[in-house]
Amino acid sequence: MIFVEKTIESKRIYEGRILNLRVDTVKTIDGESTREIIEHNGGAVIAAITDDYEMLMVKQFRKPLERVVLEAPAGKLDKGEKPETTALRELKEETGYTAENIKFITKIYPSVGYCQEALYLYVCTNLKPGEPSFDEGEAIELCKYPIDELAEMVLAGKIEDAKTQVTVLIVKSMMDRNEL
């Protein structure tokens, strides 16, 4: 039988612009323990697919890794914002593209051991190019890759970002089943 922990006390110890951190004291099977939990509004991840079955990707510097990372376009949900709205907004901001069609794929939790962040994955098609409008401090390079090539890059360990790995492999599976 799986033991469900009961929260005895919850204390927010940090409030930030992007995330909050709280420490929960919980009743465990052995007594009491603490859990450090990141609170985050969540985000949307976009698989923007061209008519030629290429996927729009972005390259940007990521400070935690101290290097440029290849990723699917994505962004955080503003408080009270619907994930689909976030997806369309981030697609336009990061790539300049708009989409006539958007389809929800799935919801994932990237780090369930310490974070309740949910990411909502979308496929966007019938794309129209435009000018990006980056957030302050963003420097993003737009790239296009064939979906097959991206899947090979994931399997070869050349794409390290988890949300992008999941998105690419799901989109590749959808393409192989003629669901795009």
N, C-alpha and C. Protein backbone atom coordinates (compact mmCIF):
# COMPACT_ATOMS: atom_id res chain seq x y z
N MET A 1 0.84 -1.18 0.00
CA MET A 1 0.00 0.00 0.00
C MET A 1 0.88 1.25 0.00
N ILE A 2 0.51 2.24 -0.78
CA ILE A 2 1.27 3.48 -0.86
C ILE A 2 0.79 4.42 0.23
N PHE A 3 1.74 4.94 1.00
CA PHE A 3 1.42 5.87 2.08
C PHE A 3 1.31 7.27 1.51
N VAL A 4 0.22 7.95 1.80
CA VAL A 4 0.01 9.33 1.36
C VAL A 4 0.41 10.26 2.49
N GLU A 5 1.36 11.15 2.21
CA GLU A 5 1.83 12.07 3.24
C GLU A 5 0.79 13.14 3.54
N LYS A 6 0.65 13.47 4.81
CA LYS A 6 -0.27 14.52 5.24
C LYS A 6 0.57 15.73 5.65
N THR A 7 0.18 16.91 5.14
CA THR A 7 0.89 18.13 5.47
C THR A 7 0.51 18.60 6.86
N ILE A 8 1.53 18.78 7.70
CA ILE A 8 1.33 19.28 9.06
C ILE A 8 1.45 20.80 9.08
N GLU A 9 2.44 21.30 8.35
CA GLU A 9 2.69 22.74 8.29
C GLU A 9 3.28 23.07 6.92
N SER A 10 2.92 24.24 6.40
CA SER A 10 3.45 24.70 5.13
C SER A 10 3.91 26.14 5.29
N LYS A 11 5.15 26.41 4.89
CA LYS A 11 5.72 27.75 5.09
C LYS A 11 6.42 28.21 3.80
N ARG A 12 5.94 29.32 3.23
CA ARG A 12 6.60 29.88 2.05
C ARG A 12 7.83 30.65 2.52
N ILE A 13 9.00 30.27 1.98
CA ILE A 13 10.24 30.91 2.43
C ILE A 13 10.84 31.83 1.38
N TYR A 14 10.30 31.80 0.15
CA TYR A 14 10.79 32.70 -0.89
C TYR A 14 9.67 32.97 -1.87
N GLU A 15 9.50 34.25 -2.25
CA GLU A 15 8.56 34.63 -3.29
C GLU A 15 9.32 35.38 -4.36
N GLY A 16 9.27 34.86 -5.58
CA GLY A 16 9.98 35.47 -6.69
C GLY A 16 9.06 35.83 -7.83
N ARG A 17 9.65 36.36 -8.88
CA ARG A 17 8.90 36.76 -10.07
C ARG A 17 8.43 35.54 -10.86
N ILE A 18 9.25 34.49 -10.88
CA ILE A 18 8.95 33.30 -11.68
C ILE A 18 8.48 32.13 -10.82
N LEU A 19 8.99 32.04 -9.60
CA LEU A 19 8.64 30.90 -8.76
C LEU A 19 8.66 31.29 -7.29
N ASN A 20 8.02 30.46 -6.50
CA ASN A 20 8.05 30.57 -5.04
C ASN A 20 8.62 29.26 -4.50
N LEU A 21 9.14 29.33 -3.28
CA LEU A 21 9.66 28.13 -2.63
C LEU A 21 9.00 28.00 -1.27
N ARG A 22 8.48 26.81 -1.00
CA ARG A 22 7.89 26.57 0.31
C ARG A 22 8.49 25.30 0.90
N VAL A 23 8.43 25.23 2.22
CA VAL A 23 8.87 24.03 2.93
C VAL A 23 7.66 23.49 3.69
N ASP A 24 7.32 22.25 3.40
CA ASP A 24 6.21 21.58 4.07
C ASP A 24 6.76 20.58 5.08
N THR A 25 6.20 20.58 6.26
CA THR A 25 6.45 19.52 7.23
C THR A 25 5.34 18.51 7.02
N VAL A 26 5.73 17.24 6.84
CA VAL A 26 4.75 16.21 6.51
C VAL A 26 4.85 15.02 7.44
N LYS A 27 3.73 14.35 7.60
CA LYS A 27 3.68 13.08 8.34
C LYS A 27 4.04 11.99 7.34
N THR A 28 5.08 11.22 7.67
CA THR A 28 5.51 10.13 6.81
C THR A 28 5.23 8.79 7.48
N ILE A 29 5.52 7.75 6.79
CA ILE A 29 5.33 6.40 7.33
C ILE A 29 6.22 6.17 8.55
N ASP A 30 7.37 6.91 8.62
CA ASP A 30 8.32 6.77 9.73
C ASP A 30 8.20 7.85 10.80
N GLY A 31 7.36 8.85 10.58
CA GLY A 31 7.26 9.96 11.52
C GLY A 31 7.01 11.27 10.79
N GLU A 32 7.97 12.19 10.89
CA GLU A 32 7.86 13.49 10.22
C GLU A 32 9.10 13.75 9.38
N SER A 33 8.90 14.58 8.34
CA SER A 33 10.00 14.99 7.48
C SER A 33 9.62 16.32 6.85
N THR A 34 10.54 16.90 6.10
CA THR A 34 10.24 18.14 5.39
C THR A 34 10.38 17.91 3.89
N ARG A 35 9.62 18.69 3.14
CA ARG A 35 9.67 18.65 1.68
C ARG A 35 9.84 20.09 1.18
N GLU A 36 10.85 20.30 0.34
CA GLU A 36 11.06 21.61 -0.30
C GLU A 36 10.35 21.56 -1.64
N ILE A 37 9.44 22.51 -1.86
CA ILE A 37 8.59 22.46 -3.04
C ILE A 37 8.64 23.80 -3.78
N ILE A 38 8.91 23.72 -5.08
CA ILE A 38 8.87 24.90 -5.94
C ILE A 38 7.45 25.06 -6.45
N GLU A 39 6.90 26.26 -6.27
CA GLU A 39 5.59 26.61 -6.81
C GLU A 39 5.82 27.41 -8.09
N HIS A 40 5.15 27.02 -9.16
CA HIS A 40 5.34 27.66 -10.46
C HIS A 40 4.00 27.65 -11.18
N ASN A 41 3.69 28.73 -11.91
CA ASN A 41 2.40 28.82 -12.62
C ASN A 41 2.27 27.83 -13.76
N GLY A 42 3.38 27.27 -14.22
CA GLY A 42 3.33 26.35 -15.35
C GLY A 42 3.70 27.05 -16.63
N GLY A 43 3.64 26.31 -17.71
CA GLY A 43 4.03 26.87 -19.00
C GLY A 43 3.42 26.11 -20.16
N ALA A 44 3.68 26.63 -21.34
CA ALA A 44 3.21 26.01 -22.57
C ALA A 44 4.42 25.75 -23.47
N VAL A 45 4.40 24.61 -24.14
CA VAL A 45 5.44 24.22 -25.08
C VAL A 45 4.79 24.06 -26.45
N ILE A 46 5.45 24.61 -27.47
CA ILE A 46 4.83 24.65 -28.79
C ILE A 46 5.63 23.84 -29.80
N ALA A 47 4.97 22.88 -30.44
CA ALA A 47 5.53 22.18 -31.59
C ALA A 47 4.91 22.84 -32.81
N ALA A 48 5.62 23.83 -33.36
CA ALA A 48 5.13 24.57 -34.52
C ALA A 48 5.64 23.87 -35.77
N ILE A 49 4.72 23.30 -36.55
CA ILE A 49 5.07 22.43 -37.67
C ILE A 49 4.75 23.14 -38.99
N THR A 50 5.77 23.23 -39.86
CA THR A 50 5.58 23.86 -41.16
C THR A 50 4.90 22.87 -42.12
N ASP A 51 4.52 23.37 -43.29
CA ASP A 51 3.90 22.52 -44.31
C ASP A 51 4.88 21.45 -44.81
N ASP A 52 6.19 21.69 -44.64
CA ASP A 52 7.23 20.74 -45.07
C ASP A 52 7.64 19.80 -43.94
N TYR A 53 6.85 19.73 -42.88
CA TYR A 53 7.14 18.89 -41.71
C TYR A 53 8.47 19.23 -41.06
N GLU A 54 8.74 20.52 -41.00
CA GLU A 54 9.84 21.01 -40.19
C GLU A 54 9.24 21.60 -38.93
N MET A 55 10.00 21.54 -37.86
CA MET A 55 9.54 22.08 -36.57
C MET A 55 10.37 23.31 -36.25
N LEU A 56 9.69 24.39 -35.88
CA LEU A 56 10.39 25.60 -35.46
C LEU A 56 11.04 25.35 -34.11
N MET A 57 12.30 25.72 -34.00
CA MET A 57 13.06 25.57 -32.77
C MET A 57 13.73 26.90 -32.46
N VAL A 58 14.12 27.08 -31.22
CA VAL A 58 14.84 28.29 -30.83
C VAL A 58 16.12 27.90 -30.11
N LYS A 59 17.13 28.74 -30.32
CA LYS A 59 18.39 28.60 -29.58
C LYS A 59 18.49 29.83 -28.69
N GLN A 60 18.79 29.59 -27.41
CA GLN A 60 18.98 30.70 -26.49
C GLN A 60 19.90 30.30 -25.35
N PHE A 61 20.59 31.29 -24.82
CA PHE A 61 21.49 31.06 -23.70
C PHE A 61 20.66 30.79 -22.45
N ARG A 62 21.05 29.74 -21.72
CA ARG A 62 20.37 29.39 -20.47
C ARG A 62 21.38 29.47 -19.34
N LYS A 63 21.21 30.45 -18.49
CA LYS A 63 22.15 30.72 -17.41
C LYS A 63 22.40 29.52 -16.50
N PRO A 64 21.39 28.76 -16.08
CA PRO A 64 21.68 27.62 -15.20
C PRO A 64 22.67 26.62 -15.81
N LEU A 65 22.68 26.49 -17.14
CA LEU A 65 23.59 25.56 -17.82
C LEU A 65 24.84 26.26 -18.35
N GLU A 66 24.83 27.59 -18.36
CA GLU A 66 25.95 28.40 -18.87
C GLU A 66 26.28 28.08 -20.33
N ARG A 67 25.22 27.85 -21.14
CA ARG A 67 25.44 27.61 -22.56
C ARG A 67 24.15 27.83 -23.34
N VAL A 68 24.31 27.85 -24.66
CA VAL A 68 23.16 27.96 -25.56
C VAL A 68 22.51 26.59 -25.68
N VAL A 69 21.17 26.58 -25.64
CA VAL A 69 20.39 25.34 -25.67
C VAL A 69 19.39 25.41 -26.83
N LEU A 70 19.23 24.29 -27.53
CA LEU A 70 18.22 24.15 -28.58
C LEU A 70 16.94 23.65 -27.94
N GLU A 71 15.84 24.39 -28.16
CA GLU A 71 14.58 24.08 -27.49
C GLU A 71 13.39 24.29 -28.42
N ALA A 72 12.28 23.68 -28.07
CA ALA A 72 11.00 24.04 -28.66
C ALA A 72 10.60 25.38 -28.06
N PRO A 73 9.92 26.24 -28.82
CA PRO A 73 9.44 27.49 -28.23
C PRO A 73 8.53 27.19 -27.03
N ALA A 74 8.67 27.98 -26.00
CA ALA A 74 7.91 27.74 -24.77
C ALA A 74 7.92 28.99 -23.92
N GLY A 75 7.01 29.03 -22.95
CA GLY A 75 7.00 30.15 -22.03
C GLY A 75 6.05 29.90 -20.88
N LYS A 76 6.22 30.74 -19.87
CA LYS A 76 5.43 30.54 -18.65
C LYS A 76 4.04 31.15 -18.78
N LEU A 77 3.10 30.52 -18.08
CA LEU A 77 1.74 31.03 -18.02
C LEU A 77 1.71 32.26 -17.13
N ASP A 78 1.08 33.32 -17.61
CA ASP A 78 0.81 34.45 -16.74
C ASP A 78 -0.32 34.04 -15.81
N LYS A 79 -0.37 34.64 -14.64
CA LYS A 79 -1.39 34.29 -13.65
C LYS A 79 -2.79 34.43 -14.27
N GLY A 80 -3.57 33.35 -14.20
CA GLY A 80 -4.94 33.34 -14.72
C GLY A 80 -5.05 33.11 -16.22
N GLU A 81 -3.92 32.98 -16.91
CA GLU A 81 -3.93 32.81 -18.36
C GLU A 81 -4.18 31.35 -18.74
N LYS A 82 -4.94 31.13 -19.79
CA LYS A 82 -5.18 29.78 -20.28
C LYS A 82 -3.94 29.30 -21.03
N PRO A 83 -3.58 28.02 -20.88
CA PRO A 83 -2.38 27.50 -21.55
C PRO A 83 -2.38 27.71 -23.07
N GLU A 84 -3.52 27.56 -23.72
CA GLU A 84 -3.57 27.76 -25.17
C GLU A 84 -3.22 29.20 -25.54
N THR A 85 -3.69 30.15 -24.74
CA THR A 85 -3.36 31.56 -24.96
C THR A 85 -1.86 31.78 -24.80
N THR A 86 -1.28 31.15 -23.78
CA THR A 86 0.17 31.24 -23.57
C THR A 86 0.91 30.69 -24.78
N ALA A 87 0.48 29.53 -25.27
CA ALA A 87 1.16 28.90 -26.40
C ALA A 87 1.17 29.81 -27.62
N LEU A 88 0.03 30.38 -27.95
CA LEU A 88 -0.04 31.26 -29.12
C LEU A 88 0.77 32.54 -28.92
N ARG A 89 0.74 33.08 -27.70
CA ARG A 89 1.52 34.28 -27.39
C ARG A 89 3.01 34.01 -27.51
N GLU A 90 3.46 32.91 -26.91
CA GLU A 90 4.89 32.58 -26.94
C GLU A 90 5.36 32.24 -28.35
N LEU A 91 4.53 31.57 -29.13
CA LEU A 91 4.89 31.29 -30.52
C LEU A 91 5.18 32.59 -31.26
N LYS A 92 4.31 33.57 -31.11
CA LYS A 92 4.48 34.87 -31.77
C LYS A 92 5.70 35.61 -31.22
N GLU A 93 5.83 35.65 -29.89
CA GLU A 93 6.93 36.40 -29.28
C GLU A 93 8.29 35.83 -29.67
N GLU A 94 8.44 34.50 -29.62
CA GLU A 94 9.75 33.89 -29.81
C GLU A 94 10.11 33.62 -31.26
N THR A 95 9.10 33.41 -32.12
CA THR A 95 9.39 33.05 -33.51
C THR A 95 8.86 34.05 -34.53
N GLY A 96 7.89 34.86 -34.14
CA GLY A 96 7.24 35.76 -35.08
C GLY A 96 6.07 35.10 -35.80
N TYR A 97 5.96 33.80 -35.70
CA TYR A 97 4.91 33.07 -36.41
C TYR A 97 3.58 33.11 -35.65
N THR A 98 2.51 33.03 -36.42
CA THR A 98 1.18 32.79 -35.87
C THR A 98 0.69 31.47 -36.45
N ALA A 99 -0.32 30.89 -35.82
CA ALA A 99 -0.84 29.59 -36.26
C ALA A 99 -2.34 29.67 -36.45
N GLU A 100 -2.81 29.12 -37.55
CA GLU A 100 -4.25 29.02 -37.77
C GLU A 100 -4.85 27.87 -36.97
N ASN A 101 -4.07 26.82 -36.75
CA ASN A 101 -4.56 25.64 -36.03
C ASN A 101 -3.68 25.37 -34.82
N ILE A 102 -4.33 25.08 -33.70
CA ILE A 102 -3.60 24.69 -32.49
C ILE A 102 -4.33 23.51 -31.87
N LYS A 103 -3.54 22.51 -31.45
CA LYS A 103 -4.12 21.29 -30.88
C LYS A 103 -3.36 20.93 -29.61
N PHE A 104 -4.10 20.72 -28.52
CA PHE A 104 -3.50 20.28 -27.27
C PHE A 104 -3.04 18.84 -27.42
N ILE A 105 -1.80 18.56 -26.96
CA ILE A 105 -1.27 17.20 -27.01
C ILE A 105 -1.41 16.52 -25.66
N THR A 106 -0.76 17.09 -24.65
CA THR A 106 -0.76 16.48 -23.32
C THR A 106 -0.22 17.47 -22.30
N LYS A 107 -0.32 17.09 -21.05
CA LYS A 107 0.25 17.86 -19.94
C LYS A 107 1.32 17.00 -19.29
N ILE A 108 2.48 17.61 -19.00
CA ILE A 108 3.55 16.87 -18.33
C ILE A 108 4.02 17.64 -17.10
N TYR A 109 4.56 16.90 -16.14
CA TYR A 109 5.18 17.48 -14.95
C TYR A 109 6.66 17.12 -15.02
N PRO A 110 7.55 18.09 -15.32
CA PRO A 110 8.95 17.75 -15.56
C PRO A 110 9.74 17.30 -14.33
N SER A 111 9.37 17.72 -13.15
CA SER A 111 10.17 17.38 -11.94
C SER A 111 9.25 17.15 -10.75
N VAL A 112 8.56 16.02 -10.73
CA VAL A 112 7.52 15.77 -9.72
C VAL A 112 8.04 15.61 -8.30
N GLY A 113 9.33 15.40 -8.13
CA GLY A 113 9.88 15.21 -6.79
C GLY A 113 9.95 16.47 -5.96
N TYR A 114 9.99 17.64 -6.61
CA TYR A 114 10.13 18.88 -5.85
C TYR A 114 9.43 20.08 -6.48
N CYS A 115 8.73 19.88 -7.59
CA CYS A 115 8.12 21.02 -8.28
C CYS A 115 6.75 20.63 -8.81
N GLN A 116 5.76 21.54 -8.64
CA GLN A 116 4.42 21.25 -9.14
C GLN A 116 4.14 21.91 -10.49
N GLU A 117 5.19 22.38 -11.17
CA GLU A 117 5.04 23.00 -12.48
C GLU A 117 4.45 22.00 -13.48
N ALA A 118 3.42 22.44 -14.19
CA ALA A 118 2.82 21.65 -15.27
C ALA A 118 3.13 22.34 -16.59
N LEU A 119 3.50 21.56 -17.59
CA LEU A 119 3.74 22.08 -18.93
C LEU A 119 2.68 21.51 -19.87
N TYR A 120 2.05 22.39 -20.64
CA TYR A 120 1.00 22.01 -21.57
C TYR A 120 1.60 22.02 -22.97
N LEU A 121 1.57 20.87 -23.65
CA LEU A 121 2.18 20.73 -24.96
C LEU A 121 1.13 20.89 -26.05
N TYR A 122 1.47 21.70 -27.06
CA TYR A 122 0.57 21.98 -28.18
C TYR A 122 1.28 21.77 -29.51
N VAL A 123 0.51 21.35 -30.52
CA VAL A 123 0.97 21.33 -31.90
C VAL A 123 0.26 22.47 -32.62
N CYS A 124 1.06 23.29 -33.32
CA CYS A 124 0.52 24.39 -34.12
C CYS A 124 0.85 24.14 -35.59
N THR A 125 -0.14 24.32 -36.45
CA THR A 125 0.04 24.13 -37.89
C THR A 125 -0.57 25.30 -38.65
N ASN A 126 -0.42 25.26 -39.98
CA ASN A 126 -0.85 26.38 -40.84
C ASN A 126 -0.24 27.68 -40.32
N LEU A 127 1.09 27.68 -40.32
CA LEU A 127 1.85 28.80 -39.76
C LEU A 127 1.97 29.95 -40.75
N LYS A 128 1.99 31.15 -40.21
CA LYS A 128 2.21 32.37 -40.99
C LYS A 128 3.37 33.13 -40.36
N PRO A 129 4.41 33.46 -41.17
CA PRO A 129 5.58 34.15 -40.61
C PRO A 129 5.27 35.59 -40.26
N GLY A 130 6.07 36.13 -39.36
CA GLY A 130 5.95 37.52 -38.93
C GLY A 130 7.21 37.90 -38.17
N GLU A 131 7.14 38.99 -37.46
CA GLU A 131 8.29 39.48 -36.69
C GLU A 131 8.14 39.09 -35.22
N PRO A 132 9.20 38.53 -34.64
CA PRO A 132 9.14 38.20 -33.20
C PRO A 132 9.12 39.46 -32.35
N SER A 133 8.67 39.33 -31.12
CA SER A 133 8.69 40.45 -30.16
C SER A 133 9.19 39.89 -28.83
N PHE A 134 10.51 39.79 -28.71
CA PHE A 134 11.12 39.16 -27.54
C PHE A 134 10.81 39.92 -26.27
N ASP A 135 10.74 39.15 -25.17
CA ASP A 135 10.66 39.76 -23.85
C ASP A 135 11.97 40.49 -23.57
N GLU A 136 11.92 41.42 -22.63
CA GLU A 136 13.12 42.17 -22.25
C GLU A 136 14.24 41.20 -21.85
N GLY A 137 15.42 41.40 -22.42
CA GLY A 137 16.57 40.58 -22.09
C GLY A 137 16.69 39.28 -22.87
N GLU A 138 15.70 38.96 -23.70
CA GLU A 138 15.75 37.73 -24.49
C GLU A 138 16.56 37.94 -25.77
N ALA A 139 17.38 36.97 -26.10
CA ALA A 139 18.10 36.92 -27.37
C ALA A 139 17.91 35.51 -27.91
N ILE A 140 17.11 35.39 -28.95
CA ILE A 140 16.70 34.07 -29.45
C ILE A 140 17.02 33.96 -30.93
N GLU A 141 17.55 32.81 -31.32
CA GLU A 141 17.79 32.51 -32.73
C GLU A 141 16.76 31.47 -33.17
N LEU A 142 16.04 31.77 -34.24
CA LEU A 142 15.03 30.86 -34.78
C LEU A 142 15.69 29.86 -35.73
N CYS A 143 15.32 28.59 -35.62
CA CYS A 143 15.83 27.52 -36.48
C CYS A 143 14.66 26.66 -36.92
N LYS A 144 14.85 25.95 -38.03
CA LYS A 144 13.88 24.95 -38.49
C LYS A 144 14.62 23.64 -38.71
N TYR A 145 14.02 22.55 -38.26
CA TYR A 145 14.60 21.23 -38.43
C TYR A 145 13.53 20.26 -38.89
N PRO A 146 13.87 19.33 -39.80
CA PRO A 146 12.93 18.25 -40.11
C PRO A 146 12.64 17.44 -38.83
N ILE A 147 11.41 17.03 -38.67
CA ILE A 147 11.02 16.29 -37.47
C ILE A 147 11.84 15.01 -37.31
N ASP A 148 12.09 14.31 -38.41
CA ASP A 148 12.91 13.09 -38.34
C ASP A 148 14.30 13.38 -37.78
N GLU A 149 14.90 14.48 -38.23
CA GLU A 149 16.23 14.85 -37.75
C GLU A 149 16.20 15.20 -36.27
N LEU A 150 15.18 15.91 -35.83
CA LEU A 150 15.06 16.24 -34.41
C LEU A 150 14.95 14.98 -33.56
N ALA A 151 14.15 14.02 -34.01
CA ALA A 151 14.00 12.77 -33.25
C ALA A 151 15.35 12.05 -33.15
N GLU A 152 16.11 12.04 -34.22
CA GLU A 152 17.45 11.43 -34.19
C GLU A 152 18.36 12.19 -33.23
N MET A 153 18.25 13.51 -33.21
CA MET A 153 19.06 14.32 -32.30
C MET A 153 18.72 14.00 -30.84
N VAL A 154 17.44 13.82 -30.55
CA VAL A 154 17.03 13.45 -29.19
C VAL A 154 17.65 12.11 -28.82
N LEU A 155 17.52 11.13 -29.68
CA LEU A 155 18.01 9.78 -29.39
C LEU A 155 19.54 9.73 -29.30
N ALA A 156 20.22 10.66 -29.97
CA ALA A 156 21.68 10.72 -29.93
C ALA A 156 22.20 11.58 -28.77
N GLY A 157 21.28 12.12 -27.96
CA GLY A 157 21.69 12.94 -26.82
C GLY A 157 22.10 14.35 -27.19
N LYS A 158 21.71 14.82 -28.37
CA LYS A 158 22.09 16.17 -28.81
C LYS A 158 21.08 17.23 -28.40
N ILE A 159 19.92 16.81 -27.94
CA ILE A 159 18.93 17.73 -27.37
C ILE A 159 18.75 17.30 -25.92
N GLU A 160 19.12 18.19 -25.00
CA GLU A 160 19.13 17.84 -23.58
C GLU A 160 17.91 18.33 -22.82
N ASP A 161 17.21 19.30 -23.37
CA ASP A 161 16.06 19.89 -22.69
C ASP A 161 14.90 18.89 -22.66
N ALA A 162 14.45 18.54 -21.46
CA ALA A 162 13.44 17.49 -21.30
C ALA A 162 12.12 17.81 -21.98
N LYS A 163 11.64 19.04 -21.86
CA LYS A 163 10.35 19.39 -22.47
C LYS A 163 10.43 19.26 -23.99
N THR A 164 11.59 19.60 -24.54
CA THR A 164 11.78 19.49 -25.99
C THR A 164 11.89 18.03 -26.40
N GLN A 165 12.59 17.23 -25.63
CA GLN A 165 12.69 15.79 -25.94
C GLN A 165 11.31 15.16 -26.02
N VAL A 166 10.50 15.40 -25.00
CA VAL A 166 9.16 14.81 -24.95
C VAL A 166 8.33 15.30 -26.14
N THR A 167 8.37 16.60 -26.39
CA THR A 167 7.58 17.19 -27.47
C THR A 167 8.00 16.61 -28.82
N VAL A 168 9.29 16.56 -29.09
CA VAL A 168 9.78 16.04 -30.37
C VAL A 168 9.36 14.59 -30.56
N LEU A 169 9.54 13.76 -29.55
CA LEU A 169 9.21 12.33 -29.71
C LEU A 169 7.71 12.10 -29.87
N ILE A 170 6.90 12.89 -29.20
CA ILE A 170 5.44 12.77 -29.39
C ILE A 170 5.06 13.20 -30.80
N VAL A 171 5.62 14.33 -31.25
CA VAL A 171 5.31 14.83 -32.60
C VAL A 171 5.78 13.83 -33.66
N LYS A 172 6.95 13.24 -33.47
CA LYS A 172 7.45 12.23 -34.42
C LYS A 172 6.48 11.04 -34.47
N SER A 173 6.01 10.60 -33.33
CA SER A 173 5.04 9.50 -33.28
C SER A 173 3.75 9.89 -33.99
N MET A 174 3.28 11.11 -33.76
CA MET A 174 2.07 11.58 -34.43
C MET A 174 2.26 11.62 -35.94
N MET A 175 3.43 12.09 -36.38
CA MET A 175 3.73 12.16 -37.81
C MET A 175 3.73 10.75 -38.42
N ASP A 176 4.37 9.82 -37.74
CA ASP A 176 4.44 8.44 -38.24
C ASP A 176 3.06 7.79 -38.34
N ARG A 177 2.11 8.24 -37.54
CA ARG A 177 0.74 7.71 -37.57
C ARG A 177 -0.20 8.58 -38.40
N ASN A 178 0.38 9.54 -39.15
CA ASN A 178 -0.40 10.47 -39.99
C ASN A 178 -1.43 11.26 -39.20
N GLU A 179 -1.05 11.69 -38.00
CA GLU A 179 -1.96 12.46 -37.15
C GLU A 179 -1.64 13.95 -37.14
N LEU A 180 -0.69 14.37 -37.96
CA LEU A 180 -0.36 15.81 -38.01
C LEU A 180 -1.12 16.48 -39.12
